Amino acid sequence: MAKKKKKVDVRRRPYKIGEVAKNMPELVHKYNYVSFDIMYSKAAEWLSNQPECRRMLFAWAKEKGGIIYDEKKGTWTGKNVLEDLDFLK
């Protein structure tokens, strides 16, 4: 019988994002000539490219059930995408 994995609360994991953020260089967050859009923030881009931030984001999405792992394919898929695919069958 397969052993069930214990869920770990992402909020209690020892992520050190604050320590990572302390090393961020000076970066633009909003350009004066356009309305704010997080997708153009160089500060947000830098943070999202840090391994610690990516680990936390992935763990959070997994824990909250937003993404589901397919052992046969070895892939992760968004829960809503899977529900849409089931609907089409």
C-alpha atoms as a PDB file:
ATOM      1  CA  MET A   1       0.000   0.000   0.000  1.00  0.00           C
ATOM      2  CA  ALA A   2       1.339   3.427  -0.958  1.00  0.00           C
ATOM      3  CA  LYS A   3       2.242   5.683   1.898  1.00  0.00           C
ATOM      4  CA  LYS A   4       0.169   8.879   1.986  1.00  0.00           C
ATOM      5  CA  LYS A   5       2.298  12.004   1.997  1.00  0.00           C
ATOM      6  CA  LYS A   6       1.832  14.351   4.916  1.00  0.00           C
ATOM      7  CA  LYS A   7       0.615  17.821   3.917  1.00  0.00           C
ATOM      8  CA  VAL A   8       2.799  20.613   5.208  1.00  0.00           C
ATOM      9  CA  ASP A   9       1.402  24.083   5.802  1.00  0.00           C
ATOM     10  CA  VAL A  10       3.272  26.434   3.445  1.00  0.00           C
ATOM     11  CA  ARG A  11       2.981  29.255   5.978  1.00  0.00           C
ATOM     12  CA  ARG A  12       5.057  27.258   8.469  1.00  0.00           C
ATOM     13  CA  ARG A  13       7.869  26.303   6.111  1.00  0.00           C
ATOM     14  CA  PRO A  14      11.224  27.949   6.705  1.00  0.00           C
ATOM     15  CA  TYR A  15      11.255  30.046   3.527  1.00  0.00           C
ATOM     16  CA  LYS A  16      13.751  32.859   3.627  1.00  0.00           C
ATOM     17  CA  ILE A  17      12.171  35.185   1.092  1.00  0.00           C
ATOM     18  CA  GLY A  18      12.847  38.170   3.295  1.00  0.00           C
ATOM     19  CA  GLU A  19      16.543  37.317   3.254  1.00  0.00           C
ATOM     20  CA  VAL A  20      16.453  36.839  -0.526  1.00  0.00           C
ATOM     21  CA  ALA A  21      14.675  40.172  -1.026  1.00  0.00           C
ATOM     22  CA  LYS A  22      17.354  41.985   0.974  1.00  0.00           C
ATOM     23  CA  ASN A  23      19.764  41.262  -1.886  1.00  0.00           C
ATOM     24  CA  MET A  24      17.566  42.755  -4.620  1.00  0.00           C
ATOM     25  CA  PRO A  25      19.281  45.518  -6.602  1.00  0.00           C
ATOM     26  CA  GLU A  26      17.537  48.814  -7.355  1.00  0.00           C
ATOM     27  CA  LEU A  27      14.846  48.006  -9.937  1.00  0.00           C
ATOM     28  CA  VAL A  28      11.859  49.779 -11.496  1.00  0.00           C
ATOM     29  CA  HIS A  29       8.449  48.760 -10.173  1.00  0.00           C
ATOM     30  CA  LYS A  30       6.296  51.219 -12.141  1.00  0.00           C
ATOM     31  CA  TYR A  31       7.057  53.325 -15.172  1.00  0.00           C
ATOM     32  CA  ASN A  32       5.699  56.897 -15.069  1.00  0.00           C
ATOM     33  CA  TYR A  33       4.362  56.828 -18.620  1.00  0.00           C
ATOM     34  CA  VAL A  34       2.049  53.785 -18.204  1.00  0.00           C
ATOM     35  CA  SER A  35      -0.486  52.637 -15.664  1.00  0.00           C
ATOM     36  CA  PHE A  36       0.830  50.061 -13.211  1.00  0.00           C
ATOM     37  CA  ASP A  37       0.966  46.471 -14.409  1.00  0.00           C
ATOM     38  CA  ILE A  38       2.738  43.854 -12.286  1.00  0.00           C
ATOM     39  CA  MET A  39       3.828  42.062 -15.464  1.00  0.00           C
ATOM     40  CA  TYR A  40       6.141  44.999 -16.312  1.00  0.00           C
ATOM     41  CA  SER A  41       7.648  45.334 -12.825  1.00  0.00           C
ATOM     42  CA  LYS A  42      11.372  44.620 -12.903  1.00  0.00           C
ATOM     43  CA  ALA A  43      11.325  44.260  -9.100  1.00  0.00           C
ATOM     44  CA  ALA A  44       8.610  41.583  -9.252  1.00  0.00           C
ATOM     45  CA  GLU A  45      10.437  39.883 -12.128  1.00  0.00           C
ATOM     46  CA  TRP A  46      13.663  39.717 -10.127  1.00  0.00           C
ATOM     47  CA  LEU A  47      11.867  38.262  -7.106  1.00  0.00           C
ATOM     48  CA  SER A  48      10.000  35.675  -9.172  1.00  0.00           C
ATOM     49  CA  ASN A  49      13.282  34.499 -10.693  1.00  0.00           C
ATOM     50  CA  GLN A  50      14.777  33.684  -7.293  1.00  0.00           C
ATOM     51  CA  PRO A  51      14.769  29.941  -6.504  1.00  0.00           C
ATOM     52  CA  GLU A  52      13.425  30.429  -2.969  1.00  0.00           C
ATOM     53  CA  CYS A  53      10.444  32.414  -4.264  1.00  0.00           C
ATOM     54  CA  ARG A  54       9.719  29.826  -6.947  1.00  0.00           C
ATOM     55  CA  ARG A  55       9.871  26.994  -4.401  1.00  0.00           C
ATOM     56  CA  MET A  56       7.405  28.789  -2.142  1.00  0.00           C
ATOM     57  CA  LEU A  57       5.005  29.615  -4.993  1.00  0.00           C
ATOM     58  CA  PHE A  58       5.054  26.044  -6.300  1.00  0.00           C
ATOM     59  CA  ALA A  59       4.544  24.564  -2.818  1.00  0.00           C
ATOM     60  CA  TRP A  60       1.663  26.970  -2.201  1.00  0.00           C
ATOM     61  CA  ALA A  61      -0.076  26.084  -5.494  1.00  0.00           C
ATOM     62  CA  LYS A  62       0.403  22.377  -4.797  1.00  0.00           C
ATOM     63  CA  GLU A  63      -0.814  22.562  -1.198  1.00  0.00           C
ATOM     64  CA  LYS A  64      -3.900  24.573  -2.118  1.00  0.00           C
ATOM     65  CA  GLY A  65      -4.849  22.020  -4.770  1.00  0.00           C
ATOM     66  CA  GLY A  66      -4.415  24.428  -7.651  1.00  0.00           C
ATOM     67  CA  ILE A  67      -2.088  22.059  -9.499  1.00  0.00           C
ATOM     68  CA  ILE A  68      -2.274  18.287  -9.725  1.00  0.00           C
ATOM     69  CA  TYR A  69       0.513  15.814 -10.545  1.00  0.00           C
ATOM     70  CA  ASP A  70      -0.010  13.056 -13.116  1.00  0.00           C
ATOM     71  CA  GLU A  71       2.318  10.198 -12.147  1.00  0.00           C
ATOM     72  CA  LYS A  72       1.936   8.412 -15.495  1.00  0.00           C
ATOM     73  CA  LYS A  73       2.964  11.454 -17.550  1.00  0.00           C
ATOM     74  CA  GLY A  74       5.229  13.062 -14.953  1.00  0.00           C
ATOM     75  CA  THR A  75       3.498  16.428 -15.462  1.00  0.00           C
ATOM     76  CA  TRP A  76       1.665  19.039 -13.410  1.00  0.00           C
ATOM     77  CA  THR A  77      -1.626  20.558 -14.604  1.00  0.00           C
ATOM     78  CA  GLY A  78      -3.937  23.247 -13.288  1.00  0.00           C
ATOM     79  CA  LYS A  79      -7.023  21.865 -11.562  1.00  0.00           C
ATOM     80  CA  ASN A  80      -9.415  23.898 -13.733  1.00  0.00           C
ATOM     81  CA  VAL A  81      -7.736  22.656 -16.915  1.00  0.00           C
ATOM     82  CA  LEU A  82      -8.272  19.071 -15.793  1.00  0.00           C
ATOM     83  CA  GLU A  83     -11.926  19.793 -14.979  1.00  0.00           C
ATOM     84  CA  ASP A  84     -12.392  21.357 -18.416  1.00  0.00           C
ATOM     85  CA  LEU A  85     -10.833  18.293 -20.054  1.00  0.00           C
ATOM     86  CA  ASP A  86     -13.137  15.969 -18.088  1.00  0.00           C
ATOM     87  CA  PHE A  87     -16.116  18.047 -19.202  1.00  0.00           C
ATOM     88  CA  LEU A  88     -15.155  17.581 -22.852  1.00  0.00           C
ATOM     89  CA  LYS A  89     -15.057  13.761 -22.579  1.00  0.00           C
END
